[in-house]
């Protein structure tokens, strides 16, 4: 339900959760406590709320002006769309995350299939800035390695108002869904496909870096495959613009964070390279690589401590020396020694992957048993 102004003044800000003291599982050495920064608290009491249709229309106009998005058919190019709830048919839910829900939808005027991500509009400045940053970035990033952005609009539902972001629908699903499907088939993703994943992600990261942006949430669920076998990066909800090529904020998926990010240190685009290395190992063995098999289960804090202080995982010996070396350099703990995405495009493993002809369309069709 949307907040009214009468109850907004009575809201209290919940204190940030306390981090419990970690315990060390039997058989593991004592690990020092992490210095994990607390997320900032945001005062929302005096920020404007959406309380009427007039306010909603005004906010929609301001959003379009800020992003320079088209509002009417006469301002549309041939690849742009008049996006509103009346023109959208929801087909099925594709997934749900911490900040939004994704559905497969049909754009009725042209019967175009899209993926629509809806995010609740909260009355605080930080959330608005994150949404605008994501939309502006999606609008700018035109790359074959980035999920295509069709437009955005305000959507009304039973829970209040949301921003709806319409993007390219990728029939092949996420890399996470693909490797889990492979596990069901008693199979694993091969080195040829992993090479194409590395090539696509690196090119996507280089493209983002050209806009002074770090993705900050590279992981298997944020790497999508189209029905044509194209591999693309998605979900820039936690992307941030680089300031002098250095960022200091603590956002993203903790398990895939580079050690420097877990410890709250400054980090650069090399932090995405670490996440790519973990992603390739996970996709190759159908499970997250930390902790290794045979070790006891770890709590969240213990797992982060393990990532920082214990040896990094390696690719299985069934993979080539070039593949294993690529992952090894991705997982160098010292960010000063870890290469950038641009440098890794010259690695022997990636050069070979770029030159290799691979029918990824037939591969993804075999994975899911569909024909496009």
Protein backbone atom coordinates (compact mmCIF):
# COMPACT_ATOMS: atom_id res chain seq x y z
CA UNK A 1 0.00 0.00 0.00
CA UNK A 2 1.32 3.47 -0.84
CA UNK A 3 2.28 5.63 2.12
CA UNK A 4 0.09 8.61 2.91
CA UNK A 5 1.49 11.84 4.25
CA UNK A 6 -0.38 11.41 7.54
CA UNK A 7 1.46 8.25 8.52
CA UNK A 8 4.79 9.28 7.01
CA UNK A 9 5.61 11.63 9.89
CA UNK A 10 5.20 8.83 12.44
CA UNK A 11 7.64 6.48 10.83
CA UNK A 12 10.76 5.51 12.70
CA UNK A 13 14.00 4.39 11.16
CA UNK A 14 14.99 0.89 12.09
CA UNK A 15 18.54 0.61 13.41
CA UNK A 16 21.03 -1.23 11.23
CA UNK A 17 21.29 -4.93 12.21
CA UNK A 18 24.20 -5.83 14.43
CA UNK A 19 26.75 -8.23 13.05
CA UNK A 20 27.10 -11.24 15.33
CA UNK A 21 30.47 -12.42 16.49
CA UNK A 22 31.70 -15.14 14.12
CA UNK A 23 32.56 -18.58 15.34
CA UNK A 24 35.36 -20.61 13.80
CA UNK A 25 34.37 -24.12 12.63
CA UNK A 26 36.42 -27.02 13.92
CA UNK A 27 39.43 -27.71 11.75
CA UNK A 28 39.81 -24.10 10.48
CA UNK A 29 42.41 -21.67 11.82
CA UNK A 30 41.26 -18.65 13.77
CA UNK A 31 40.45 -15.83 11.37
CA UNK A 32 40.59 -12.15 12.31
CA UNK A 33 37.37 -10.18 12.53
CA UNK A 34 36.34 -8.30 9.40
CA UNK A 35 35.96 -4.56 9.28
CA UNK A 36 32.65 -4.43 7.37
CA UNK A 37 31.19 -0.92 7.09
CA UNK A 38 27.61 -0.28 8.21
CA UNK A 39 25.18 0.89 5.52
CA UNK A 40 24.16 4.54 6.02
CA UNK A 41 20.75 5.33 7.51
CA UNK A 42 18.53 7.58 5.43
CA UNK A 43 16.08 10.05 6.91
CA UNK A 44 12.88 9.89 4.83
CA UNK A 45 10.41 11.76 7.02
CA UNK A 46 10.49 15.08 5.16
CA UNK A 47 10.85 13.80 1.61
CA UNK A 48 7.93 14.23 -0.81
CA UNK A 49 5.43 11.40 -1.20
CA UNK A 50 3.21 10.44 -4.12
CA UNK A 51 -0.31 11.19 -2.93
CA UNK A 52 -2.35 11.86 -6.06
CA UNK A 53 -2.65 11.19 -9.77
CA UNK A 54 -1.43 14.71 -10.40
CA UNK A 55 1.74 14.05 -8.39
CA UNK A 56 2.26 10.75 -10.20
CA UNK A 57 1.96 12.40 -13.61
CA UNK A 58 4.32 15.16 -12.52
CA UNK A 59 6.88 12.63 -11.28
CA UNK A 60 6.56 10.69 -14.54
CA UNK A 61 7.21 13.85 -16.56
CA UNK A 62 10.22 14.69 -14.40
CA UNK A 63 11.60 11.17 -14.85
CA UNK A 64 11.24 11.36 -18.63
CA UNK A 65 12.85 14.79 -18.70
CA UNK A 66 15.73 13.62 -16.54
CA UNK A 67 16.35 10.58 -18.75
CA UNK A 68 15.17 12.16 -22.01
CA UNK A 69 12.76 9.25 -22.55
CA UNK A 70 9.98 9.60 -25.16
CA UNK A 71 6.44 10.23 -23.86
CA UNK A 72 4.32 10.21 -26.99
CA UNK A 73 4.30 8.44 -30.39
CA UNK A 74 5.35 11.49 -32.36
CA UNK A 75 8.66 11.54 -30.46
CA UNK A 76 9.42 7.88 -31.07
CA UNK A 77 12.06 6.38 -33.30
CA UNK A 78 11.24 3.09 -35.00
CA UNK A 79 12.91 1.10 -32.19
CA UNK A 80 11.14 2.94 -29.35
CA UNK A 81 7.85 2.08 -27.69
CA UNK A 82 4.83 3.75 -26.07
CA UNK A 83 5.12 1.98 -22.74
CA UNK A 84 2.21 1.98 -20.30
CA UNK A 85 0.22 -0.66 -18.43
CA UNK A 86 -2.55 -0.70 -21.07
CA UNK A 87 -0.03 -1.72 -23.73
CA UNK A 88 1.55 -4.51 -21.66
CA UNK A 89 0.30 -8.09 -21.21
CA UNK A 90 1.98 -9.90 -18.30
CA UNK A 91 2.73 -13.50 -19.28
CA UNK A 92 4.64 -15.05 -16.35
CA UNK A 93 7.09 -14.29 -13.56
CA UNK A 94 10.75 -14.83 -14.43
CA UNK A 95 12.35 -14.03 -11.09
CA UNK A 96 12.38 -11.86 -8.01
CA UNK A 97 15.22 -10.07 -6.25
CA UNK A 98 15.79 -7.72 -3.35
CA UNK A 99 14.78 -4.60 -5.29
CA UNK A 100 12.39 -5.80 -7.97
CA UNK A 101 10.38 -8.48 -9.74
CA UNK A 102 10.90 -9.52 -13.38
CA UNK A 103 8.09 -10.76 -15.65
CA UNK A 104 7.94 -11.94 -19.22
CA UNK A 105 5.54 -9.54 -20.97
CA UNK A 106 4.14 -8.83 -24.42
CA UNK A 107 4.06 -5.31 -25.86
CA UNK A 108 0.61 -5.50 -27.42
CA UNK A 109 0.89 -2.93 -30.27
CA UNK A 110 3.67 -4.93 -31.97
CA UNK A 111 3.49 -8.26 -30.04
CA UNK A 112 7.12 -7.75 -29.02
CA UNK A 113 8.20 -10.03 -26.16
CA UNK A 114 10.10 -8.21 -23.41
CA UNK A 115 11.29 -8.65 -19.85
CA UNK A 116 9.78 -6.11 -17.45
CA UNK A 117 11.42 -5.34 -14.12
CA UNK A 118 9.23 -3.49 -11.63
CA UNK A 119 10.65 -1.68 -8.61
CA UNK A 120 8.56 -0.05 -5.87
CA UNK A 121 8.88 3.73 -5.65
CA UNK A 122 9.96 4.52 -2.10
CA UNK A 123 9.79 8.08 -0.80
CA UNK A 124 13.50 8.51 -0.21
CA UNK A 125 16.16 10.27 -2.19
CA UNK A 126 18.68 7.42 -2.23
CA UNK A 127 16.24 5.00 -3.89
CA UNK A 128 15.26 7.58 -6.49
CA UNK A 129 18.90 8.23 -7.33
CA UNK A 130 19.58 4.50 -7.71
CA UNK A 131 16.64 4.07 -10.07
CA UNK A 132 17.59 7.08 -12.18
CA UNK A 133 21.21 5.88 -12.32
CA UNK A 134 20.12 2.45 -13.52
CA UNK A 135 17.80 3.89 -16.19
CA UNK A 136 20.33 6.40 -17.44
CA UNK A 137 22.98 3.69 -17.71
CA UNK A 138 20.64 1.29 -19.51
CA UNK A 139 19.67 4.03 -21.95
CA UNK A 140 23.30 4.84 -22.75
CA UNK A 141 24.69 1.31 -23.00
CA UNK A 142 24.14 0.12 -26.54
CA UNK A 143 26.32 -2.96 -26.84
CA UNK A 144 25.82 -6.54 -28.08
CA UNK A 145 27.15 -7.64 -24.67
CA UNK A 146 24.60 -5.64 -22.63
CA UNK A 147 20.90 -6.49 -22.35
CA UNK A 148 18.98 -4.03 -24.55
CA UNK A 149 16.85 -1.36 -22.87
CA UNK A 150 13.49 -0.48 -24.47
CA UNK A 151 12.19 2.14 -22.05
CA UNK A 152 10.62 2.81 -18.65
CA UNK A 153 7.35 4.07 -17.24
CA UNK A 154 5.43 4.43 -13.98
CA UNK A 155 3.07 1.54 -13.22
CA UNK A 156 0.21 1.46 -10.71
CA UNK A 157 -0.66 -1.74 -8.85
CA UNK A 158 -2.34 -2.87 -5.65
CA UNK A 159 0.75 -2.05 -3.60
CA UNK A 160 1.15 1.49 -4.90
CA UNK A 161 3.30 2.90 -7.68
CA UNK A 162 6.32 1.23 -9.26
CA UNK A 163 8.83 2.02 -11.96
CA UNK A 164 8.65 -0.53 -14.77
CA UNK A 165 11.80 -1.09 -16.84
CA UNK A 166 11.30 -2.92 -20.13
CA UNK A 167 14.32 -4.80 -21.45
CA UNK A 168 15.29 -7.44 -23.94
CA UNK A 169 13.87 -10.89 -23.14
CA UNK A 170 16.55 -13.58 -23.08
CA UNK A 171 14.92 -16.96 -23.72
CA UNK A 172 17.96 -18.97 -22.64
CA UNK A 173 17.75 -17.67 -19.08
CA UNK A 174 20.64 -16.91 -16.76
CA UNK A 175 23.96 -18.73 -16.59
CA UNK A 176 22.88 -19.89 -13.14
CA UNK A 177 19.71 -21.46 -14.56
CA UNK A 178 21.72 -23.01 -17.40
CA UNK A 179 24.30 -24.74 -15.18
CA UNK A 180 21.55 -25.96 -12.84
CA UNK A 181 19.74 -27.38 -15.87
CA UNK A 182 23.01 -29.04 -16.94
CA UNK A 183 23.28 -30.63 -13.49
CA UNK A 184 19.77 -32.06 -13.91
CA UNK A 185 20.97 -33.60 -17.17
CA UNK A 186 24.07 -35.03 -15.41
CA UNK A 187 26.22 -32.70 -17.50
CA UNK A 188 28.53 -29.73 -17.02
CA UNK A 189 29.25 -26.62 -19.05
CA UNK A 190 32.31 -27.18 -21.22
CA UNK A 191 35.39 -25.04 -21.74
CA UNK A 192 34.24 -23.74 -25.12
CA UNK A 193 31.10 -22.20 -23.66
CA UNK A 194 33.01 -20.86 -20.63
CA UNK A 195 35.38 -19.14 -23.04
CA UNK A 196 32.47 -17.43 -24.77
CA UNK A 197 31.08 -16.39 -21.36
CA UNK A 198 34.42 -14.87 -20.40
CA UNK A 199 34.70 -13.08 -23.75
CA UNK A 200 31.19 -11.60 -23.51
CA UNK A 201 31.49 -10.50 -19.88
CA UNK A 202 34.88 -8.88 -20.45
CA UNK A 203 33.58 -6.97 -23.47
CA UNK A 204 30.55 -5.89 -21.48
CA UNK A 205 32.73 -4.69 -18.60
CA UNK A 206 35.02 -2.79 -20.98
CA UNK A 207 31.97 -1.10 -22.48
CA UNK A 208 30.69 -0.13 -19.02
CA UNK A 209 34.11 1.16 -18.05
CA UNK A 210 34.06 3.44 -21.09
CA UNK A 211 31.18 5.18 -19.26
CA UNK A 212 33.27 5.21 -16.05
CA UNK A 213 31.08 2.51 -14.51
CA UNK A 214 31.83 -0.62 -12.49
CA UNK A 215 29.12 -3.29 -12.64
CA UNK A 216 29.71 -4.44 -9.02
CA UNK A 217 27.35 -7.42 -9.17
CA UNK A 218 28.81 -9.86 -11.70
CA UNK A 219 27.49 -13.36 -10.93
CA UNK A 220 25.84 -16.25 -12.83
CA UNK A 221 22.30 -14.93 -12.33
CA UNK A 222 23.27 -11.60 -13.95
CA UNK A 223 24.66 -13.18 -17.12
CA UNK A 224 21.86 -13.98 -19.59
CA UNK A 225 21.66 -16.07 -22.77
CA UNK A 226 19.33 -15.21 -25.65
CA UNK A 227 17.56 -17.76 -27.84
CA UNK A 228 20.21 -17.02 -30.47
CA UNK A 229 22.98 -17.99 -28.05
CA UNK A 230 24.17 -14.43 -27.38
CA UNK A 231 25.62 -13.88 -23.90
CA UNK A 232 24.86 -10.56 -22.19
CA UNK A 233 25.31 -8.74 -18.89
CA UNK A 234 22.27 -7.45 -17.05
CA UNK A 235 21.12 -5.87 -13.77
CA UNK A 236 22.92 -2.63 -13.09
CA UNK A 237 20.86 -1.84 -9.98
CA UNK A 238 24.04 -1.56 -7.94
CA UNK A 239 26.27 -0.16 -10.65
CA UNK A 240 28.04 3.06 -9.76
CA UNK A 241 29.89 5.72 -11.64
CA UNK A 242 33.62 5.74 -11.01
CA UNK A 243 35.12 8.74 -9.31
CA UNK A 244 38.76 9.05 -10.38
CA UNK A 245 38.56 5.30 -11.23
CA UNK A 246 38.05 4.45 -7.53
CA UNK A 247 34.88 3.60 -5.60
CA UNK A 248 34.41 3.26 -1.85
CA UNK A 249 30.82 2.05 -1.37
CA UNK A 250 29.75 -1.35 -0.02
CA UNK A 251 27.09 -2.71 -2.37
CA UNK A 252 26.61 -5.83 -4.45
CA UNK A 253 26.32 -9.54 -3.70
CA UNK A 254 28.68 -10.28 -0.80
CA UNK A 255 29.69 -13.81 -1.81
CA UNK A 256 31.05 -12.63 -5.17
CA UNK A 257 32.84 -9.56 -3.81
CA UNK A 258 36.58 -9.20 -4.24
CA UNK A 259 38.59 -9.25 -0.99
CA UNK A 260 39.23 -5.51 -1.14
CA UNK A 261 35.49 -4.84 -1.26
CA UNK A 262 34.71 -7.19 1.63
CA UNK A 263 37.24 -5.35 3.77
CA UNK A 264 35.79 -1.96 2.88
CA UNK A 265 38.89 -0.82 0.97
CA UNK A 266 38.95 1.23 -2.20
CA UNK A 267 38.37 -0.77 -5.35
CA UNK A 268 38.38 -0.35 -9.11
CA UNK A 269 37.20 -2.26 -12.17
CA UNK A 270 39.45 -5.19 -11.21
CA UNK A 271 36.85 -6.09 -8.56
CA UNK A 272 34.54 -7.24 -11.38
CA UNK A 273 37.33 -9.47 -12.67
CA UNK A 274 37.41 -11.35 -9.34
CA UNK A 275 33.65 -11.93 -9.60
CA UNK A 276 34.08 -13.25 -13.16
CA UNK A 277 36.67 -15.77 -11.94
CA UNK A 278 34.31 -17.11 -9.26
CA UNK A 279 31.47 -17.19 -11.81
CA UNK A 280 33.45 -19.39 -14.21
CA UNK A 281 34.38 -21.87 -11.49
CA UNK A 282 30.78 -22.02 -10.26
CA UNK A 283 29.43 -22.60 -13.77
CA UNK A 284 32.03 -25.30 -14.42
CA UNK A 285 31.29 -27.35 -11.29
CA UNK A 286 27.57 -26.57 -10.80
CA UNK A 287 28.08 -25.05 -7.35
CA UNK A 288 29.58 -22.01 -5.63
CA UNK A 289 33.32 -22.62 -5.04
CA UNK A 290 33.52 -21.38 -1.40
CA UNK A 291 34.11 -23.23 0.84
CA UNK A 292 35.62 -26.19 -1.03
CA UNK A 293 34.07 -29.68 -0.77
CA UNK A 294 34.72 -31.38 2.57
CA UNK A 295 34.69 -28.20 4.65
CA UNK A 296 31.90 -27.52 7.15
CA UNK A 297 29.14 -25.08 6.35
CA UNK A 298 29.98 -21.47 7.18
CA UNK A 299 27.88 -18.55 8.33
CA UNK A 300 27.85 -15.41 6.17
CA UNK A 301 30.55 -13.65 8.20
CA UNK A 302 32.68 -16.80 8.38
CA UNK A 303 32.39 -17.26 4.62
CA UNK A 304 33.55 -13.70 3.97
CA UNK A 305 36.48 -14.27 6.34
CA UNK A 306 37.30 -17.49 4.50
CA UNK A 307 37.30 -15.71 1.12
CA UNK A 308 39.80 -13.14 2.41
CA UNK A 309 42.22 -15.35 4.31
CA UNK A 310 42.15 -18.84 2.80
CA UNK A 311 43.58 -20.07 -0.55
CA UNK A 312 41.57 -19.27 -3.65
CA UNK A 313 39.79 -22.07 -5.55
CA UNK A 314 41.10 -23.40 -8.85
CA UNK A 315 39.59 -24.78 -12.00
CA UNK A 316 39.51 -28.56 -12.27
CA UNK A 317 42.43 -30.24 -14.03
CA UNK A 318 40.10 -31.39 -16.83
CA UNK A 319 40.34 -27.85 -18.21
CA UNK A 320 43.22 -26.56 -20.34
CA UNK A 321 46.23 -24.77 -18.90
CA UNK A 322 45.08 -21.54 -20.58
CA UNK A 323 41.64 -21.76 -18.97
CA UNK A 324 43.05 -22.56 -15.54
CA UNK A 325 45.56 -19.72 -15.79
CA UNK A 326 42.84 -17.26 -16.81
CA UNK A 327 40.84 -18.05 -13.67
CA UNK A 328 44.00 -17.98 -11.58
CA UNK A 329 44.80 -14.39 -12.61
CA UNK A 330 41.17 -13.36 -12.12
CA UNK A 331 41.44 -14.52 -8.50
CA UNK A 332 44.68 -12.77 -7.56
CA UNK A 333 43.88 -11.32 -4.13
CA UNK A 334 46.01 -8.21 -4.49
CA UNK A 335 43.95 -5.86 -6.68
CA UNK A 336 47.12 -4.08 -7.83
CA UNK A 337 48.31 -7.35 -9.36
CA UNK A 338 44.93 -8.40 -10.77
CA UNK A 339 44.49 -7.46 -14.46
CA UNK A 340 41.73 -5.25 -15.85
CA UNK A 341 39.03 -6.51 -18.26
CA UNK A 342 40.82 -4.73 -21.11
CA UNK A 343 44.08 -6.53 -20.31
CA UNK A 344 42.33 -9.89 -19.99
CA UNK A 345 40.96 -9.59 -23.53
CA UNK A 346 44.55 -10.30 -24.61
CA UNK A 347 44.85 -13.46 -22.48
CA UNK A 348 45.49 -16.65 -24.50
CA UNK A 349 42.27 -18.26 -23.21
CA UNK A 350 40.12 -15.33 -24.38
CA UNK A 351 41.94 -14.89 -27.69
CA UNK A 352 41.33 -18.57 -28.43
CA UNK A 353 37.67 -18.26 -27.42
CA UNK A 354 37.21 -15.27 -29.74
CA UNK A 355 38.67 -17.18 -32.68
CA UNK A 356 36.73 -20.38 -32.05
CA UNK A 357 33.49 -20.92 -33.95
CA UNK A 358 30.81 -22.28 -31.61
CA UNK A 359 27.11 -22.75 -32.37
CA UNK A 360 25.74 -21.35 -29.12
CA UNK A 361 22.23 -21.21 -30.59
CA UNK A 362 22.13 -24.99 -31.01
CA UNK A 363 23.77 -25.40 -27.59
CA UNK A 364 21.13 -23.40 -25.68
CA UNK A 365 18.36 -25.16 -27.62
CA UNK A 366 19.76 -28.52 -26.50
CA UNK A 367 20.00 -27.33 -22.91
CA UNK A 368 16.32 -26.40 -22.72
CA UNK A 369 14.92 -28.66 -25.42
CA UNK A 370 13.34 -25.83 -27.39
CA UNK A 371 13.59 -24.72 -31.02
CA UNK A 372 13.59 -21.05 -31.95
